[in-house]
Amino acid sequence: METKAKCKFCYRSYVYHPGGATTTLNRHLANCTQYQNKLAKAKAQGTLNFGLDDGNSLVVNPTEYDHEHTRELIAKMIIAHEYSFRMVEHKWFNILMKWMNGNYEFIGRKSIKNECMRVYESEKNQLKRSLKEAESISLTTDLWTSNQNLQYMCLVAHYIDENWVLQCRVLNFIEVDPPYTGIVIAQAIF
C-alpha cells in the first residue's frame, strides 16, 4: 500500500512509506517556490514607502510573491480597462512581470478568463449582500437605440449603504424587443 505525503505549501503529492526516509520530501522543500517564499518573508524586512495618495500614509511592499493575489489583480486590471485576455501571454507583459518579481509565474489566457469569472462572481455576491443590507433601493432604467438599430435597456440600483454613502450599481444591461410599452419594460425589469 502506497501512501502520499503532501507538501503543505504547494500541495504536491509524493510517495511516502511510513517509517521510511524523508529524503524526497526534504529535497522537494529545497526547490519548493512557495516554501522558499515563506522563508524569505520570515528573513526579509518589508520596505516602507510614503503612499502616493495623501503623502501621510506608509505603504509596506511585500517581499513574498503571492501567485493567487497577482492573478486576481491582473484579472481586475483586465476587467477595469477592458483588455484582451491574450495580454497575459504577450512577450513584453511577461518580461515586465518577471522583472518586477523574479518569482512571477506565467498565466495563460484561459486561466485569466476563469479568474475574471471568479472575480465577477465574487463581486456579484458582494453586491447581493450589500443590497440585502439596504433599507430601500430605487431602480432607474434608461432605454436607447444603437447605430445598428438595436434597442437596449440598463437597470440601475441606487441605495444608501451602512456608512450613509450613496451607492449606484448597474444591475443589468439587456437588449429589449420593441414596442416600448410599460408591460414590455416591466417584464424586462423583472
N, C-alpha and C. Protein backbone atom coordinates (compact mmCIF):
# COMPACT_ATOMS: atom_id res chain seq x y z
N MET A 1 0.84 -1.18 0.00
CA MET A 1 0.00 0.00 0.00
C MET A 1 0.89 1.24 0.00
N GLU A 2 0.60 2.17 -0.91
CA GLU A 2 1.39 3.36 -1.09
C GLU A 2 0.65 4.55 -0.50
N THR A 3 1.28 5.29 0.38
CA THR A 3 0.65 6.49 0.92
C THR A 3 1.32 7.70 0.30
N LYS A 4 0.62 8.82 0.32
CA LYS A 4 1.13 10.04 -0.27
C LYS A 4 1.36 11.07 0.82
N ALA A 5 2.48 11.74 0.74
CA ALA A 5 2.77 12.87 1.62
C ALA A 5 2.55 14.12 0.78
N LYS A 6 1.87 15.11 1.33
CA LYS A 6 1.54 16.32 0.57
C LYS A 6 2.29 17.51 1.16
N CYS A 7 2.90 18.28 0.29
CA CYS A 7 3.58 19.50 0.71
C CYS A 7 2.52 20.50 1.16
N LYS A 8 2.67 21.07 2.35
CA LYS A 8 1.65 22.00 2.84
C LYS A 8 1.80 23.40 2.25
N PHE A 9 2.80 23.60 1.41
CA PHE A 9 3.00 24.89 0.78
C PHE A 9 2.50 24.90 -0.66
N CYS A 10 2.84 23.89 -1.46
CA CYS A 10 2.42 23.86 -2.87
C CYS A 10 1.42 22.75 -3.15
N TYR A 11 1.15 21.90 -2.19
CA TYR A 11 0.15 20.82 -2.26
C TYR A 11 0.49 19.72 -3.27
N ARG A 12 1.76 19.58 -3.64
CA ARG A 12 2.16 18.46 -4.49
C ARG A 12 2.25 17.20 -3.64
N SER A 13 1.90 16.07 -4.24
CA SER A 13 1.93 14.79 -3.50
C SER A 13 3.17 13.99 -3.86
N TYR A 14 3.71 13.28 -2.86
CA TYR A 14 4.88 12.44 -3.05
C TYR A 14 4.65 11.10 -2.35
N VAL A 15 5.24 10.05 -2.93
CA VAL A 15 5.12 8.72 -2.32
C VAL A 15 5.91 8.72 -1.02
N TYR A 16 5.30 8.15 0.01
CA TYR A 16 5.95 8.10 1.31
C TYR A 16 5.57 6.80 1.99
N HIS A 17 6.54 6.11 2.50
CA HIS A 17 6.30 4.87 3.24
C HIS A 17 6.46 5.18 4.73
N PRO A 18 5.42 4.95 5.53
CA PRO A 18 5.52 5.25 6.97
C PRO A 18 6.75 4.58 7.59
N GLY A 19 7.52 5.36 8.31
CA GLY A 19 8.74 4.86 8.94
C GLY A 19 9.93 4.90 8.00
N GLY A 20 9.70 5.32 6.74
CA GLY A 20 10.78 5.36 5.75
C GLY A 20 11.53 6.67 5.79
N ALA A 21 12.44 6.84 4.86
CA ALA A 21 13.27 8.04 4.78
C ALA A 21 12.45 9.23 4.28
N THR A 22 12.90 10.42 4.64
CA THR A 22 12.21 11.64 4.22
C THR A 22 13.06 12.45 3.24
N THR A 23 14.02 11.80 2.60
CA THR A 23 14.92 12.47 1.68
C THR A 23 14.17 13.15 0.54
N THR A 24 13.18 12.46 -0.04
CA THR A 24 12.42 13.02 -1.16
C THR A 24 11.71 14.29 -0.73
N LEU A 25 11.10 14.28 0.43
CA LEU A 25 10.38 15.46 0.91
C LEU A 25 11.33 16.61 1.20
N ASN A 26 12.48 16.30 1.81
CA ASN A 26 13.46 17.36 2.09
C ASN A 26 14.02 17.94 0.80
N ARG A 27 14.26 17.10 -0.20
CA ARG A 27 14.75 17.57 -1.49
C ARG A 27 13.71 18.49 -2.14
N HIS A 28 12.45 18.12 -2.01
CA HIS A 28 11.37 18.95 -2.57
C HIS A 28 11.36 20.33 -1.91
N LEU A 29 11.49 20.39 -0.57
CA LEU A 29 11.45 21.67 0.13
C LEU A 29 12.57 22.61 -0.33
N ALA A 30 13.69 22.03 -0.72
CA ALA A 30 14.80 22.85 -1.20
C ALA A 30 14.45 23.55 -2.51
N ASN A 31 13.51 22.98 -3.29
CA ASN A 31 13.13 23.56 -4.58
C ASN A 31 11.72 24.12 -4.61
N CYS A 32 10.97 24.00 -3.54
CA CYS A 32 9.57 24.45 -3.49
C CYS A 32 9.51 25.98 -3.44
N THR A 33 8.98 26.61 -4.48
CA THR A 33 8.93 28.07 -4.57
C THR A 33 8.14 28.67 -3.42
N GLN A 34 6.98 28.10 -3.13
CA GLN A 34 6.14 28.65 -2.06
C GLN A 34 6.84 28.57 -0.71
N TYR A 35 7.52 27.47 -0.44
CA TYR A 35 8.25 27.32 0.82
C TYR A 35 9.41 28.31 0.89
N GLN A 36 10.12 28.46 -0.22
CA GLN A 36 11.24 29.40 -0.26
C GLN A 36 10.74 30.84 -0.04
N ASN A 37 9.56 31.16 -0.60
CA ASN A 37 8.97 32.49 -0.39
C ASN A 37 8.66 32.72 1.08
N LYS A 38 8.13 31.69 1.76
CA LYS A 38 7.83 31.79 3.19
C LYS A 38 9.10 32.05 3.99
N LEU A 39 10.17 31.33 3.64
CA LEU A 39 11.44 31.53 4.33
C LEU A 39 11.98 32.94 4.09
N ALA A 40 11.89 33.41 2.84
CA ALA A 40 12.39 34.74 2.50
C ALA A 40 11.62 35.82 3.25
N LYS A 41 10.32 35.62 3.36
CA LYS A 41 9.49 36.59 4.08
C LYS A 41 9.86 36.64 5.54
N ALA A 42 10.10 35.48 6.11
CA ALA A 42 10.47 35.43 7.53
C ALA A 42 11.81 36.11 7.77
N LYS A 43 12.75 35.98 6.82
CA LYS A 43 14.08 36.55 6.99
C LYS A 43 14.15 38.02 6.59
N ALA A 44 13.39 38.38 5.56
CA ALA A 44 13.50 39.72 4.99
C ALA A 44 12.64 40.72 5.75
N GLN A 45 12.97 41.94 5.57
CA GLN A 45 12.21 43.02 6.17
C GLN A 45 11.48 43.75 5.06
N GLY A 46 10.21 44.09 5.28
CA GLY A 46 9.46 44.83 4.28
C GLY A 46 10.02 46.23 4.13
N THR A 47 9.78 46.86 3.00
CA THR A 47 10.25 48.20 2.74
C THR A 47 9.10 49.17 2.97
N LEU A 48 9.34 50.22 3.70
CA LEU A 48 8.32 51.23 3.95
C LEU A 48 8.51 52.40 3.00
N ASN A 49 7.43 52.82 2.36
CA ASN A 49 7.44 53.97 1.48
C ASN A 49 6.27 54.86 1.83
N PHE A 50 6.38 56.14 1.51
CA PHE A 50 5.24 57.01 1.70
C PHE A 50 4.24 56.73 0.60
N GLY A 51 2.94 56.72 0.96
CA GLY A 51 1.88 56.45 0.00
C GLY A 51 1.74 57.61 -0.97
N LEU A 52 1.22 57.35 -2.14
CA LEU A 52 1.05 58.38 -3.16
C LEU A 52 -0.22 59.18 -2.96
N ASP A 53 -1.19 58.67 -2.20
CA ASP A 53 -2.49 59.31 -2.07
C ASP A 53 -2.40 60.65 -1.35
N ASP A 54 -2.02 60.62 -0.08
CA ASP A 54 -2.03 61.83 0.72
C ASP A 54 -0.65 62.21 1.25
N GLY A 55 0.35 61.39 1.03
CA GLY A 55 1.69 61.68 1.49
C GLY A 55 1.92 61.38 2.95
N ASN A 56 0.86 61.09 3.71
CA ASN A 56 0.99 60.85 5.14
C ASN A 56 0.98 59.37 5.49
N SER A 57 0.48 58.53 4.61
CA SER A 57 0.37 57.11 4.93
C SER A 57 1.63 56.37 4.50
N LEU A 58 1.86 55.24 5.14
CA LEU A 58 3.00 54.40 4.80
C LEU A 58 2.51 53.16 4.08
N VAL A 59 3.24 52.72 3.11
CA VAL A 59 2.91 51.53 2.35
C VAL A 59 4.01 50.51 2.57
N VAL A 60 3.64 49.27 2.89
CA VAL A 60 4.62 48.21 3.06
C VAL A 60 4.64 47.37 1.80
N ASN A 61 5.79 47.30 1.15
CA ASN A 61 5.93 46.47 -0.04
C ASN A 61 6.17 45.04 0.39
N PRO A 62 5.34 44.10 -0.07
CA PRO A 62 5.54 42.72 0.35
C PRO A 62 6.81 42.14 -0.26
N THR A 63 7.44 41.24 0.48
CA THR A 63 8.65 40.60 -0.03
C THR A 63 8.34 39.22 -0.59
N GLU A 64 7.12 38.74 -0.41
CA GLU A 64 6.73 37.40 -0.85
C GLU A 64 5.87 37.49 -2.09
N TYR A 65 6.11 36.62 -3.04
CA TYR A 65 5.28 36.57 -4.24
C TYR A 65 4.06 35.70 -3.96
N ASP A 66 2.89 36.27 -4.15
CA ASP A 66 1.64 35.54 -3.94
C ASP A 66 0.97 35.40 -5.30
N HIS A 67 1.07 34.22 -5.90
CA HIS A 67 0.56 34.00 -7.25
C HIS A 67 -0.95 34.21 -7.32
N GLU A 68 -1.69 33.76 -6.32
CA GLU A 68 -3.15 33.90 -6.33
C GLU A 68 -3.55 35.37 -6.34
N HIS A 69 -2.89 36.16 -5.49
CA HIS A 69 -3.21 37.59 -5.41
C HIS A 69 -2.80 38.30 -6.70
N THR A 70 -1.67 37.94 -7.26
CA THR A 70 -1.22 38.54 -8.52
C THR A 70 -2.21 38.25 -9.63
N ARG A 71 -2.69 37.00 -9.70
CA ARG A 71 -3.67 36.63 -10.72
C ARG A 71 -4.96 37.43 -10.56
N GLU A 72 -5.40 37.62 -9.31
CA GLU A 72 -6.62 38.39 -9.06
C GLU A 72 -6.44 39.85 -9.47
N LEU A 73 -5.28 40.44 -9.16
CA LEU A 73 -5.02 41.83 -9.53
C LEU A 73 -4.99 42.00 -11.05
N ILE A 74 -4.37 41.06 -11.75
CA ILE A 74 -4.32 41.13 -13.21
C ILE A 74 -5.73 41.00 -13.78
N ALA A 75 -6.55 40.11 -13.21
CA ALA A 75 -7.93 39.94 -13.67
C ALA A 75 -8.72 41.24 -13.47
N LYS A 76 -8.56 41.89 -12.32
CA LYS A 76 -9.26 43.15 -12.08
C LYS A 76 -8.79 44.23 -13.04
N MET A 77 -7.49 44.24 -13.36
CA MET A 77 -6.97 45.20 -14.33
C MET A 77 -7.60 44.96 -15.70
N ILE A 78 -7.68 43.70 -16.11
CA ILE A 78 -8.27 43.37 -17.41
C ILE A 78 -9.73 43.79 -17.46
N ILE A 79 -10.47 43.55 -16.37
CA ILE A 79 -11.88 43.93 -16.32
C ILE A 79 -12.03 45.44 -16.36
N ALA A 80 -11.27 46.16 -15.53
CA ALA A 80 -11.41 47.62 -15.43
C ALA A 80 -11.05 48.33 -16.73
N HIS A 81 -10.03 47.83 -17.43
CA HIS A 81 -9.56 48.51 -18.63
C HIS A 81 -10.02 47.84 -19.93
N GLU A 82 -10.82 46.78 -19.79
CA GLU A 82 -11.35 46.06 -20.94
C GLU A 82 -10.24 45.54 -21.86
N TYR A 83 -9.17 45.02 -21.26
CA TYR A 83 -8.08 44.44 -22.03
C TYR A 83 -8.48 43.06 -22.53
N SER A 84 -7.77 42.59 -23.52
CA SER A 84 -7.95 41.24 -24.04
C SER A 84 -7.33 40.24 -23.06
N PHE A 85 -7.94 39.06 -22.97
CA PHE A 85 -7.37 38.00 -22.13
C PHE A 85 -5.97 37.62 -22.62
N ARG A 86 -5.73 37.80 -23.93
CA ARG A 86 -4.44 37.43 -24.54
C ARG A 86 -3.28 38.25 -24.00
N MET A 87 -3.56 39.40 -23.41
CA MET A 87 -2.46 40.27 -22.99
C MET A 87 -1.52 39.58 -22.00
N VAL A 88 -2.04 38.62 -21.21
CA VAL A 88 -1.19 37.93 -20.24
C VAL A 88 -0.19 37.01 -20.92
N GLU A 89 -0.40 36.74 -22.20
CA GLU A 89 0.53 35.90 -22.96
C GLU A 89 1.50 36.72 -23.80
N HIS A 90 1.34 38.05 -23.81
CA HIS A 90 2.23 38.91 -24.58
C HIS A 90 3.65 38.85 -24.01
N LYS A 91 4.60 38.82 -24.89
CA LYS A 91 6.01 38.68 -24.51
C LYS A 91 6.44 39.78 -23.55
N TRP A 92 6.17 41.03 -23.89
CA TRP A 92 6.67 42.13 -23.08
C TRP A 92 5.91 42.29 -21.77
N PHE A 93 4.67 41.85 -21.71
CA PHE A 93 3.95 41.84 -20.43
C PHE A 93 4.65 40.87 -19.47
N ASN A 94 5.00 39.70 -19.97
CA ASN A 94 5.67 38.69 -19.14
C ASN A 94 7.09 39.11 -18.77
N ILE A 95 7.78 39.80 -19.67
CA ILE A 95 9.11 40.32 -19.35
C ILE A 95 9.01 41.34 -18.22
N LEU A 96 8.02 42.23 -18.31
CA LEU A 96 7.82 43.23 -17.27
C LEU A 96 7.49 42.58 -15.93
N MET A 97 6.56 41.63 -15.94
CA MET A 97 6.15 40.98 -14.69
C MET A 97 7.32 40.21 -14.08
N LYS A 98 8.11 39.55 -14.90
CA LYS A 98 9.26 38.79 -14.40
C LYS A 98 10.32 39.74 -13.83
N TRP A 99 10.48 40.92 -14.47
CA TRP A 99 11.44 41.90 -13.97
C TRP A 99 10.96 42.48 -12.64
N MET A 100 9.64 42.71 -12.51
CA MET A 100 9.08 43.26 -11.27
C MET A 100 9.23 42.28 -10.11
N ASN A 101 9.06 40.98 -10.41
CA ASN A 101 9.23 39.96 -9.39
C ASN A 101 9.74 38.70 -10.08
N GLY A 102 10.92 38.29 -9.73
CA GLY A 102 11.55 37.13 -10.36
C GLY A 102 10.79 35.84 -10.16
N ASN A 103 9.88 35.79 -9.15
CA ASN A 103 9.10 34.59 -8.88
C ASN A 103 7.79 34.54 -9.67
N TYR A 104 7.54 35.56 -10.51
CA TYR A 104 6.29 35.60 -11.28
C TYR A 104 6.13 34.33 -12.10
N GLU A 105 4.94 33.77 -12.07
CA GLU A 105 4.63 32.55 -12.83
C GLU A 105 3.70 32.90 -13.98
N PHE A 106 3.99 32.36 -15.15
CA PHE A 106 3.21 32.61 -16.36
C PHE A 106 1.75 32.26 -16.13
N ILE A 107 0.84 33.11 -16.67
CA ILE A 107 -0.60 32.87 -16.60
C ILE A 107 -1.12 32.84 -18.04
N GLY A 108 -1.86 31.82 -18.40
CA GLY A 108 -2.43 31.71 -19.73
C GLY A 108 -3.76 32.44 -19.85
N ARG A 109 -4.21 32.67 -21.10
CA ARG A 109 -5.45 33.41 -21.30
C ARG A 109 -6.68 32.67 -20.78
N LYS A 110 -6.69 31.35 -20.84
CA LYS A 110 -7.82 30.59 -20.32
C LYS A 110 -7.86 30.68 -18.79
N SER A 111 -6.71 30.64 -18.19
CA SER A 111 -6.62 30.76 -16.74
C SER A 111 -7.09 32.13 -16.27
N ILE A 112 -6.69 33.18 -16.98
CA ILE A 112 -7.08 34.54 -16.57
C ILE A 112 -8.56 34.77 -16.85
N LYS A 113 -9.11 34.12 -17.88
CA LYS A 113 -10.56 34.23 -18.14
C LYS A 113 -11.32 33.62 -16.98
N ASN A 114 -10.87 32.46 -16.51
CA ASN A 114 -11.51 31.83 -15.36
C ASN A 114 -11.39 32.69 -14.11
N GLU A 115 -10.24 33.34 -13.95
CA GLU A 115 -10.06 34.24 -12.80
C GLU A 115 -10.99 35.44 -12.89
N CYS A 116 -11.17 35.98 -14.10
CA CYS A 116 -12.10 37.10 -14.29
C CYS A 116 -13.52 36.68 -13.94
N MET A 117 -13.90 35.47 -14.31
CA MET A 117 -15.24 34.98 -13.96
C MET A 117 -15.36 34.79 -12.45
N ARG A 118 -14.29 34.35 -11.80
CA ARG A 118 -14.31 34.19 -10.35
C ARG A 118 -14.46 35.55 -9.67
N VAL A 119 -13.73 36.56 -10.17
CA VAL A 119 -13.83 37.91 -9.63
C VAL A 119 -15.25 38.44 -9.83
N TYR A 120 -15.81 38.19 -11.02
CA TYR A 120 -17.19 38.63 -11.31
C TYR A 120 -18.17 38.01 -10.31
N GLU A 121 -18.07 36.70 -10.09
CA GLU A 121 -18.98 36.02 -9.16
C GLU A 121 -18.80 36.56 -7.74
N SER A 122 -17.56 36.82 -7.36
CA SER A 122 -17.27 37.35 -6.04
C SER A 122 -17.90 38.74 -5.86
N GLU A 123 -17.72 39.60 -6.86
CA GLU A 123 -18.29 40.95 -6.81
C GLU A 123 -19.81 40.89 -6.83
N LYS A 124 -20.36 39.97 -7.60
CA LYS A 124 -21.82 39.82 -7.66
C LYS A 124 -22.38 39.40 -6.30
N ASN A 125 -21.72 38.45 -5.64
CA ASN A 125 -22.16 38.03 -4.31
C ASN A 125 -22.02 39.15 -3.29
N GLN A 126 -20.96 39.93 -3.42
CA GLN A 126 -20.76 41.06 -2.51
C GLN A 126 -21.86 42.10 -2.72
N LEU A 127 -22.24 42.35 -3.98
CA LEU A 127 -23.32 43.29 -4.29
C LEU A 127 -24.64 42.78 -3.73
N LYS A 128 -24.91 41.48 -3.85
CA LYS A 128 -26.14 40.90 -3.30
C LYS A 128 -26.21 41.12 -1.79
N ARG A 129 -25.09 40.89 -1.10
CA ARG A 129 -25.06 41.11 0.36
C ARG A 129 -25.31 42.58 0.69
N SER A 130 -24.70 43.45 -0.09
CA SER A 130 -24.86 44.89 0.14
C SER A 130 -26.30 45.32 -0.10
N LEU A 131 -26.94 44.76 -1.14
CA LEU A 131 -28.33 45.11 -1.43
C LEU A 131 -29.28 44.58 -0.36
N LYS A 132 -28.96 43.42 0.22
CA LYS A 132 -29.80 42.87 1.29
C LYS A 132 -29.76 43.75 2.53
N GLU A 133 -28.63 44.40 2.77
CA GLU A 133 -28.49 45.26 3.94
C GLU A 133 -29.14 46.63 3.75
N ALA A 134 -29.41 47.01 2.49
CA ALA A 134 -30.00 48.32 2.21
C ALA A 134 -31.45 48.35 2.69
N GLU A 135 -31.82 49.48 3.30
CA GLU A 135 -33.18 49.63 3.78
C GLU A 135 -34.16 49.78 2.63
N SER A 136 -33.77 50.57 1.64
CA SER A 136 -34.61 50.73 0.46
C SER A 136 -33.71 50.93 -0.76
N ILE A 137 -34.25 50.55 -1.90
CA ILE A 137 -33.49 50.62 -3.15
C ILE A 137 -34.37 51.29 -4.20
N SER A 138 -33.82 52.25 -4.90
CA SER A 138 -34.52 52.89 -6.02
C SER A 138 -33.96 52.35 -7.31
N LEU A 139 -34.83 51.96 -8.22
CA LEU A 139 -34.41 51.46 -9.52
C LEU A 139 -34.67 52.51 -10.58
N THR A 140 -33.71 52.69 -11.48
CA THR A 140 -33.90 53.56 -12.63
C THR A 140 -33.56 52.78 -13.88
N THR A 141 -34.20 53.15 -14.97
CA THR A 141 -33.91 52.50 -16.25
C THR A 141 -33.68 53.56 -17.30
N ASP A 142 -33.00 53.18 -18.33
CA ASP A 142 -32.81 54.05 -19.49
C ASP A 142 -32.87 53.17 -20.72
N LEU A 143 -33.54 53.64 -21.74
CA LEU A 143 -33.67 52.89 -22.99
C LEU A 143 -33.05 53.72 -24.11
N TRP A 144 -32.35 53.07 -25.02
CA TRP A 144 -31.83 53.76 -26.19
C TRP A 144 -31.61 52.79 -27.32
N THR A 145 -31.41 53.36 -28.52
CA THR A 145 -31.22 52.56 -29.72
C THR A 145 -29.80 52.77 -30.23
N SER A 146 -29.13 51.68 -30.59
CA SER A 146 -27.74 51.76 -31.07
C SER A 146 -27.72 52.11 -32.55
N ASN A 147 -26.51 52.31 -33.09
CA ASN A 147 -26.33 52.60 -34.51
C ASN A 147 -26.82 51.44 -35.39
N GLN A 148 -26.80 50.21 -34.83
CA GLN A 148 -27.26 49.03 -35.56
C GLN A 148 -28.77 48.84 -35.43
N ASN A 149 -29.46 49.83 -34.85
CA ASN A 149 -30.91 49.80 -34.66
C ASN A 149 -31.34 48.72 -33.66
N LEU A 150 -30.49 48.43 -32.69
CA LEU A 150 -30.84 47.51 -31.60
C LEU A 150 -31.22 48.33 -30.38
N GLN A 151 -32.27 47.89 -29.68
CA GLN A 151 -32.74 48.63 -28.52
C GLN A 151 -32.19 48.00 -27.24
N TYR A 152 -31.66 48.85 -26.35
CA TYR A 152 -31.07 48.38 -25.10
C TYR A 152 -31.72 49.05 -23.91
N MET A 153 -31.68 48.35 -22.79
CA MET A 153 -32.14 48.92 -21.54
C MET A 153 -31.12 48.62 -20.46
N CYS A 154 -30.86 49.62 -19.62
CA CYS A 154 -29.95 49.47 -18.49
C CYS A 154 -30.77 49.64 -17.22
N LEU A 155 -30.57 48.75 -16.25
CA LEU A 155 -31.25 48.81 -14.96
C LEU A 155 -30.22 49.14 -13.89
N VAL A 156 -30.46 50.23 -13.17
CA VAL A 156 -29.51 50.72 -12.18
C VAL A 156 -30.19 50.80 -10.81
N ALA A 157 -29.47 50.36 -9.77
CA ALA A 157 -29.96 50.44 -8.39
C ALA A 157 -29.25 51.57 -7.68
N HIS A 158 -30.01 52.38 -6.94
CA HIS A 158 -29.47 53.46 -6.12
C HIS A 158 -29.89 53.18 -4.68
N TYR A 159 -28.93 53.21 -3.76
CA TYR A 159 -29.24 52.96 -2.36
C TYR A 159 -28.19 53.59 -1.48
N ILE A 160 -28.50 53.70 -0.20
CA ILE A 160 -27.55 54.24 0.77
C ILE A 160 -27.03 53.07 1.59
N ASP A 161 -25.70 52.93 1.64
CA ASP A 161 -25.11 51.80 2.36
C ASP A 161 -25.05 52.06 3.86
N GLU A 162 -24.47 51.11 4.61
CA GLU A 162 -24.44 51.20 6.08
C GLU A 162 -23.60 52.37 6.58
N ASN A 163 -22.74 52.94 5.72
CA ASN A 163 -21.91 54.10 6.09
C ASN A 163 -22.52 55.41 5.61
N TRP A 164 -23.76 55.36 5.19
CA TRP A 164 -24.51 56.52 4.70
C TRP A 164 -23.87 57.14 3.45
N VAL A 165 -23.37 56.27 2.60
CA VAL A 165 -22.79 56.71 1.32
C VAL A 165 -23.73 56.27 0.21
N LEU A 166 -24.10 57.20 -0.66
CA LEU A 166 -24.98 56.88 -1.78
C LEU A 166 -24.25 55.97 -2.76
N GLN A 167 -24.84 54.84 -3.07
CA GLN A 167 -24.25 53.86 -4.00
C GLN A 167 -25.10 53.80 -5.26
N CYS A 168 -24.46 53.58 -6.37
CA CYS A 168 -25.14 53.46 -7.67
C CYS A 168 -24.50 52.26 -8.38
N ARG A 169 -25.30 51.21 -8.66
CA ARG A 169 -24.77 49.99 -9.26
C ARG A 169 -25.63 49.55 -10.45
N VAL A 170 -24.97 49.21 -11.55
CA VAL A 170 -25.66 48.66 -12.72
C VAL A 170 -26.01 47.21 -12.41
N LEU A 171 -27.30 46.90 -12.47
CA LEU A 171 -27.75 45.54 -12.17
C LEU A 171 -27.84 44.69 -13.44
N ASN A 172 -28.23 45.32 -14.54
CA ASN A 172 -28.36 44.56 -15.78
C ASN A 172 -28.32 45.49 -16.98
N PHE A 173 -27.89 44.95 -18.09
CA PHE A 173 -27.84 45.66 -19.36
C PHE A 173 -28.29 44.67 -20.41
N ILE A 174 -29.48 44.88 -20.97
CA ILE A 174 -30.05 43.88 -21.87
C ILE A 174 -30.60 44.50 -23.15
N GLU A 175 -30.74 43.68 -24.15
CA GLU A 175 -31.39 44.08 -25.38
C GLU A 175 -32.90 43.87 -25.21
N VAL A 176 -33.69 44.86 -25.62
CA VAL A 176 -35.15 44.81 -25.45
C VAL A 176 -35.80 44.87 -26.82
N ASP A 177 -36.78 43.99 -27.03
CA ASP A 177 -37.53 43.99 -28.29
C ASP A 177 -38.63 45.04 -28.25
N PRO A 178 -38.86 45.77 -29.37
CA PRO A 178 -39.95 46.73 -29.40
C PRO A 178 -41.30 46.00 -29.36
N PRO A 179 -42.39 46.61 -29.05
CA PRO A 179 -42.61 48.03 -28.74
C PRO A 179 -42.25 48.32 -27.29
N TYR A 180 -41.98 49.61 -27.02
CA TYR A 180 -41.60 50.02 -25.68
C TYR A 180 -42.82 50.33 -24.83
N THR A 181 -43.64 49.36 -24.61
CA THR A 181 -44.82 49.56 -23.77
C THR A 181 -44.42 49.35 -22.31
N GLY A 182 -45.24 49.81 -21.40
CA GLY A 182 -44.98 49.65 -19.98
C GLY A 182 -44.85 48.19 -19.59
N ILE A 183 -45.65 47.32 -20.23
CA ILE A 183 -45.62 45.89 -19.92
C ILE A 183 -44.28 45.28 -20.34
N VAL A 184 -43.79 45.64 -21.53
CA VAL A 184 -42.51 45.11 -22.03
C VAL A 184 -41.36 45.56 -21.11
N ILE A 185 -41.38 46.85 -20.72
CA ILE A 185 -40.34 47.37 -19.84
C ILE A 185 -40.41 46.71 -18.47
N ALA A 186 -41.63 46.54 -17.93
CA ALA A 186 -41.80 45.88 -16.62
C ALA A 186 -41.29 44.44 -16.66
N GLN A 187 -41.57 43.73 -17.75
CA GLN A 187 -41.09 42.35 -17.87
C GLN A 187 -39.57 42.31 -17.95
N ALA A 188 -38.98 43.27 -18.66
CA ALA A 188 -37.53 43.33 -18.78
C ALA A 188 -36.90 43.63 -17.41
N ILE A 189 -37.53 44.52 -16.63
CA ILE A 189 -37.02 44.83 -15.29
C ILE A 189 -37.14 43.61 -14.41
N PHE A 190 -38.28 42.93 -14.48
CA PHE A 190 -38.50 41.76 -13.64
C PHE A 190 -37.50 40.67 -13.97
